[in-house]
C-alpha cells in the first residue's frame, strides 16, 4: 500500500510541478505558480520521507497538498476560468493522500 501511495503522490506532485514550471516559463508568472512549485516539491519530499520511515511526512504532505490546492484555486479565480469540479477532485485526491500518509 505504501508503494501505491508513493506512486500516486509522485504523479500528483509531478503533474502539479509540470503545471507550475509551465506557468513560470510563460508570460503569466504569478505567486500561485511559485506556491504550486513549492507544494509539488514538498509532496515529492513527503514521499521520500515516508519511504525513509520519517514520521514528519504527514506534516509535509498536509502543507504541500494545501499549497497545491490553494494555488490551483488562486489560478482559477485570477483567470476567471474557475471549474469547481476540477477543484473538488483535486481537493478530494489531496485528502485521500493525506489520509494515506497518516495511516502509513
Protein backbone atom coordinates (compact mmCIF):
# COMPACT_ATOMS: atom_id res chain seq x y z
CA UNK A 1 0.00 0.00 0.00
CA UNK A 2 2.92 2.32 0.73
CA UNK A 3 4.12 1.87 -2.85
CA UNK A 4 0.69 2.80 -4.27
CA UNK A 5 0.58 5.90 -2.06
CA UNK A 6 4.07 6.85 -3.20
CA UNK A 7 3.29 6.40 -6.89
CA UNK A 8 0.05 8.38 -6.75
CA UNK A 9 1.68 11.12 -4.67
CA UNK A 10 4.64 11.42 -7.03
CA UNK A 11 2.29 11.54 -10.03
CA UNK A 12 0.13 14.23 -8.40
CA UNK A 13 3.18 16.21 -7.30
CA UNK A 14 4.88 15.71 -10.67
CA UNK A 15 1.88 16.86 -12.68
CA UNK A 16 1.50 19.88 -10.43
CA UNK A 17 5.21 20.56 -10.86
CA UNK A 18 4.85 20.48 -14.65
CA UNK A 19 1.92 22.91 -14.43
CA UNK A 20 3.86 25.27 -12.15
CA UNK A 21 7.01 25.24 -14.30
CA UNK A 22 4.92 25.75 -17.43
CA UNK A 23 3.24 28.76 -15.89
CA UNK A 24 6.55 30.18 -14.67
CA UNK A 25 8.02 29.86 -18.19
CA UNK A 26 5.03 31.62 -19.76
CA UNK A 27 4.10 35.28 -19.64
CA UNK A 28 1.60 34.52 -16.87
CA UNK A 29 4.05 34.37 -13.96
CA UNK A 30 2.29 34.59 -10.61
CA UNK A 31 2.67 33.91 -6.93
CA UNK A 32 0.31 30.96 -7.37
CA UNK A 33 2.82 29.28 -9.69
CA UNK A 34 5.55 29.59 -7.07
CA UNK A 35 3.22 28.26 -4.38
CA UNK A 36 2.32 25.29 -6.58
CA UNK A 37 6.01 24.67 -7.33
CA UNK A 38 6.86 24.59 -3.62
CA UNK A 39 3.85 22.38 -2.86
CA UNK A 40 4.79 19.96 -5.63
CA UNK A 41 8.36 19.62 -4.45
CA UNK A 42 7.11 19.26 -0.88
CA UNK A 43 4.79 16.41 -1.79
CA UNK A 44 7.61 14.58 -3.53
CA UNK A 45 9.77 15.19 -0.44
CA UNK A 46 6.97 13.73 1.73
CA UNK A 47 7.12 10.53 -0.34
CA UNK A 48 10.87 10.31 0.23
CA UNK A 49 10.39 10.91 3.98
CA UNK A 50 7.68 8.25 4.08
CA UNK A 51 9.95 5.76 2.31
CA UNK A 52 12.68 6.50 4.86
CA UNK A 53 10.26 5.99 7.75
CA UNK A 54 10.25 9.59 8.94
CA UNK A 55 7.17 10.47 10.99
CA UNK A 56 7.02 14.14 9.91
CA UNK A 57 5.99 13.12 6.39
CA UNK A 58 2.35 13.76 7.29
CA UNK A 59 3.09 17.40 8.12
CA UNK A 60 4.89 17.91 4.82
CA UNK A 61 2.08 16.14 2.93
CA UNK A 62 -0.64 18.29 4.54
CA UNK A 63 1.19 21.56 3.87
CA UNK A 64 2.12 20.53 0.32
CA UNK A 65 -1.36 19.37 -0.67
CA UNK A 66 -2.86 22.54 0.83
CA UNK A 67 -0.38 24.66 -1.15
CA UNK A 68 -1.15 22.84 -4.41
CA UNK A 69 -4.91 23.18 -3.93
CA UNK A 70 -4.70 26.82 -2.86
CA UNK A 71 -2.52 27.71 -5.84
CA UNK A 72 -4.91 25.98 -8.25
CA UNK A 73 -7.85 27.88 -6.77
CA UNK A 74 -5.89 31.15 -6.98
CA UNK A 75 -5.13 30.45 -10.65
CA UNK A 76 -8.76 29.67 -11.40
CA UNK A 77 -10.04 32.82 -9.74
CA UNK A 78 -7.35 35.01 -11.31
CA UNK A 79 -8.01 33.72 -14.82
CA UNK A 80 -11.80 33.95 -14.32
CA UNK A 81 -11.97 30.35 -15.53
CA UNK A 82 -12.94 28.56 -12.31
CA UNK A 83 -14.06 24.95 -12.80
CA UNK A 84 -15.47 23.79 -9.47
CA UNK A 85 -15.43 20.10 -10.44
CA UNK A 86 -11.69 20.26 -11.13
CA UNK A 87 -11.00 21.73 -7.71
CA UNK A 88 -13.30 19.30 -5.89
CA UNK A 89 -11.45 16.38 -7.48
CA UNK A 90 -8.07 17.92 -6.63
CA UNK A 91 -9.11 18.52 -3.01
CA UNK A 92 -10.59 15.01 -2.68
CA UNK A 93 -7.38 13.46 -4.01
CA UNK A 94 -5.35 15.58 -1.60
CA UNK A 95 -7.48 14.46 1.35
CA UNK A 96 -7.09 10.82 0.32
CA UNK A 97 -3.31 11.22 0.03
CA UNK A 98 -3.07 12.91 3.42
CA UNK A 99 -5.14 10.12 5.00
CA UNK A 100 -2.79 7.63 3.35
CA UNK A 101 0.24 9.36 4.85
CA UNK A 102 -1.47 9.43 8.26
CA UNK A 103 -2.30 5.71 8.15
CA UNK A 104 1.07 4.57 6.87
